[in-house]
N, C-alpha and C. Protein backbone atom coordinates (compact mmCIF):
# COMPACT_ATOMS: atom_id res chain seq x y z
N MET A 1 11.13 0.25 -5.19
CA MET A 1 10.85 -0.07 -4.23
C MET A 1 9.53 -0.47 -3.43
N GLU A 2 9.29 -1.65 -3.19
CA GLU A 2 7.69 -2.16 -3.10
C GLU A 2 7.78 -2.26 -1.58
N LEU A 3 6.40 -1.63 -0.63
CA LEU A 3 6.18 -1.60 0.28
C LEU A 3 4.68 -2.06 0.65
N GLY A 4 4.38 -2.23 1.88
CA GLY A 4 3.12 -2.49 2.57
C GLY A 4 3.00 -1.15 3.30
N MET A 5 1.01 -0.43 2.76
CA MET A 5 1.00 0.57 3.97
C MET A 5 -0.33 0.03 4.59
N ILE A 6 -0.03 0.30 5.87
CA ILE A 6 -1.51 -0.36 6.44
C ILE A 6 -1.69 1.17 7.15
N GLY A 7 -3.30 1.40 6.81
CA GLY A 7 -3.73 2.68 7.60
C GLY A 7 -3.50 3.70 6.59
N LEU A 8 -4.61 4.22 6.02
CA LEU A 8 -4.38 5.11 4.89
C LEU A 8 -5.59 6.36 5.44
N GLY A 9 -5.09 6.93 6.69
CA GLY A 9 -6.15 8.06 7.43
C GLY A 9 -5.31 8.94 6.71
N LYS A 10 -5.24 10.21 7.48
CA LYS A 10 -4.55 11.21 6.53
C LYS A 10 -2.91 11.29 6.56
N MET A 11 -2.19 10.73 7.84
CA MET A 11 -1.02 10.75 7.43
C MET A 11 -0.56 9.47 6.21
N GLY A 12 -1.06 8.48 6.65
CA GLY A 12 -1.23 7.39 5.57
C GLY A 12 -1.40 7.46 4.10
N ALA A 13 -2.43 8.30 3.93
CA ALA A 13 -2.73 8.72 2.48
C ALA A 13 -1.73 9.47 1.60
N ASN A 14 -1.12 10.25 2.63
CA ASN A 14 -0.71 11.50 2.15
C ASN A 14 1.03 10.70 1.83
N MET A 15 1.37 10.03 2.77
CA MET A 15 2.46 9.37 2.34
C MET A 15 2.31 8.37 1.35
N THR A 16 1.36 7.80 1.10
CA THR A 16 1.32 6.39 0.31
C THR A 16 1.20 7.62 -1.30
N THR A 17 0.71 8.72 -1.35
CA THR A 17 0.54 9.75 -2.64
C THR A 17 2.47 9.86 -2.49
N ARG A 18 2.61 10.43 -1.91
CA ARG A 18 4.15 10.66 -1.97
C ARG A 18 5.10 9.72 -2.39
N LEU A 19 4.81 8.45 -2.15
CA LEU A 19 5.63 7.10 -2.32
C LEU A 19 5.21 6.84 -3.81
N LEU A 20 4.10 6.84 -4.20
CA LEU A 20 3.53 6.71 -5.73
C LEU A 20 4.39 7.53 -6.42
N GLN A 21 4.04 8.85 -6.20
CA GLN A 21 4.48 9.98 -7.18
C GLN A 21 6.21 9.60 -7.26
N GLY A 22 6.91 9.35 -6.24
CA GLY A 22 8.14 8.90 -6.54
C GLY A 22 8.69 7.39 -7.04
N GLY A 23 7.59 6.80 -7.66
CA GLY A 23 8.09 5.51 -8.44
C GLY A 23 7.69 4.42 -7.74
N HIS A 24 7.55 4.20 -6.61
CA HIS A 24 7.68 2.98 -5.50
C HIS A 24 6.33 2.13 -6.10
N THR A 25 6.46 1.15 -5.80
CA THR A 25 5.02 0.31 -5.81
C THR A 25 4.72 -0.04 -4.32
N LEU A 26 3.22 0.14 -3.93
CA LEU A 26 2.85 0.10 -2.88
C LEU A 26 1.53 -0.72 -2.55
N VAL A 27 1.42 -1.71 -1.68
CA VAL A 27 0.30 -2.35 -1.59
C VAL A 27 -0.39 -2.54 -0.31
N VAL A 28 -1.63 -1.54 -0.24
CA VAL A 28 -2.25 -0.66 1.00
C VAL A 28 -3.74 -1.57 1.25
N TYR A 29 -3.80 -1.24 2.68
CA TYR A 29 -4.62 -2.08 3.17
C TYR A 29 -5.28 -0.74 4.53
N ASP A 30 -6.46 -0.96 4.49
CA ASP A 30 -7.02 -0.20 5.47
C ASP A 30 -8.68 -0.48 5.90
N ARG A 31 -9.44 -0.71 7.18
CA ARG A 31 -10.59 -0.98 7.44
C ARG A 31 -11.32 -0.26 6.58
N ASN A 32 -11.13 1.00 5.88
CA ASN A 32 -12.03 1.57 5.31
C ASN A 32 -11.86 1.50 3.55
N ALA A 33 -12.75 0.67 3.28
CA ALA A 33 -12.57 0.43 2.12
C ALA A 33 -12.57 1.23 0.89
N GLU A 34 -13.22 2.42 1.11
CA GLU A 34 -12.93 3.95 0.23
C GLU A 34 -11.23 4.32 0.59
N ALA A 35 -11.15 3.98 1.65
CA ALA A 35 -9.91 4.67 1.24
C ALA A 35 -8.50 3.87 0.77
N VAL A 36 -9.05 2.39 0.44
CA VAL A 36 -8.34 1.60 -0.16
C VAL A 36 -8.53 2.03 -1.85
N GLN A 37 -9.99 1.93 -2.10
CA GLN A 37 -9.80 2.25 -3.35
C GLN A 37 -9.55 3.29 -3.82
N SER A 38 -9.75 4.51 -2.84
CA SER A 38 -8.76 6.00 -3.54
C SER A 38 -7.35 5.99 -3.92
N ALA A 39 -6.69 5.19 -3.05
CA ALA A 39 -4.94 4.84 -3.08
C ALA A 39 -4.96 4.13 -4.33
N ALA A 40 -5.73 2.98 -4.48
CA ALA A 40 -5.88 2.26 -5.74
C ALA A 40 -6.00 3.10 -6.94
N ALA A 41 -7.14 4.01 -6.95
CA ALA A 41 -7.26 4.95 -8.33
C ALA A 41 -5.83 5.81 -8.23
N ALA A 42 -5.06 6.20 -7.76
CA ALA A 42 -4.07 6.88 -7.85
C ALA A 42 -2.49 5.60 -8.26
N GLY A 43 -2.92 4.51 -8.31
CA GLY A 43 -2.01 3.87 -8.46
C GLY A 43 -1.29 2.38 -7.49
N ALA A 44 -1.96 2.27 -6.31
CA ALA A 44 -1.24 1.60 -5.43
C ALA A 44 -2.24 0.13 -5.66
N ILE A 45 -1.94 -0.69 -5.13
CA ILE A 45 -2.14 -2.52 -5.09
C ILE A 45 -3.25 -2.56 -4.25
N PRO A 46 -4.80 -2.35 -4.30
CA PRO A 46 -5.58 -2.72 -3.34
C PRO A 46 -5.38 -4.15 -2.57
N ALA A 47 -5.77 -4.25 -1.40
CA ALA A 47 -5.66 -5.76 -0.67
C ALA A 47 -6.90 -5.21 0.22
N GLU A 48 -7.67 -6.10 0.37
CA GLU A 48 -8.53 -6.58 1.28
C GLU A 48 -8.59 -7.09 3.10
N SER A 49 -7.28 -7.92 3.09
CA SER A 49 -7.31 -7.77 4.11
C SER A 49 -5.97 -7.79 4.53
N LEU A 50 -5.45 -7.74 5.67
CA LEU A 50 -3.61 -7.87 5.77
C LEU A 50 -3.29 -9.27 5.38
N ALA A 51 -3.99 -10.08 5.33
CA ALA A 51 -3.56 -11.44 4.95
C ALA A 51 -3.19 -11.42 3.26
N ASP A 52 -4.18 -10.75 2.71
CA ASP A 52 -4.43 -10.65 1.24
C ASP A 52 -2.86 -9.69 0.71
N MET A 53 -2.83 -8.45 1.48
CA MET A 53 -1.66 -7.56 1.67
C MET A 53 -0.09 -8.49 1.46
N VAL A 54 0.00 -9.27 2.24
CA VAL A 54 0.95 -9.77 2.74
C VAL A 54 1.04 -10.82 1.31
N SER A 55 -0.05 -11.51 0.69
CA SER A 55 0.52 -12.27 -0.64
C SER A 55 0.66 -11.66 -1.21
N LYS A 56 0.05 -10.46 -1.66
CA LYS A 56 0.65 -9.20 -3.05
C LYS A 56 2.17 -8.67 -2.40
N LEU A 57 2.41 -8.97 -1.61
CA LEU A 57 4.03 -8.40 -1.70
C LEU A 57 4.82 -9.63 -1.93
N SER A 58 5.90 -9.15 -2.54
CA SER A 58 6.65 -10.24 -3.08
C SER A 58 7.76 -10.72 -2.03
N ALA A 59 8.27 -11.81 -1.82
CA ALA A 59 8.88 -12.54 -0.86
C ALA A 59 10.59 -12.27 -1.25
N ARG A 60 11.00 -11.34 -0.30
CA ARG A 60 12.45 -10.88 -0.02
C ARG A 60 13.44 -11.58 0.97
N VAL A 61 14.40 -11.95 0.43
CA VAL A 61 15.44 -12.35 1.43
C VAL A 61 16.30 -11.26 1.94
N PRO A 62 16.17 -11.28 3.19
CA PRO A 62 16.74 -9.66 3.91
C PRO A 62 18.22 -9.72 3.81
N CYS A 63 19.17 -8.81 3.63
CA CYS A 63 20.30 -8.60 3.46
C CYS A 63 21.24 -8.59 4.72
N GLY A 64 22.27 -8.49 4.84
CA GLY A 64 23.06 -8.87 5.81
C GLY A 64 23.29 -9.58 6.97
């Protein structure tokens, strides 16, 4: 599953780590560039802004 994560504080960083370990693809954004780089080192796709994050997510057509 591909997800976007906004906010990599204590809870967001932990959720990111667990989702990456579960094999999910994450595009991450946080105001703190160090938090984004830390998540990228763990395998997440870094984004420099919210618009950048959205552009890095694949477009999906909703079901149902």
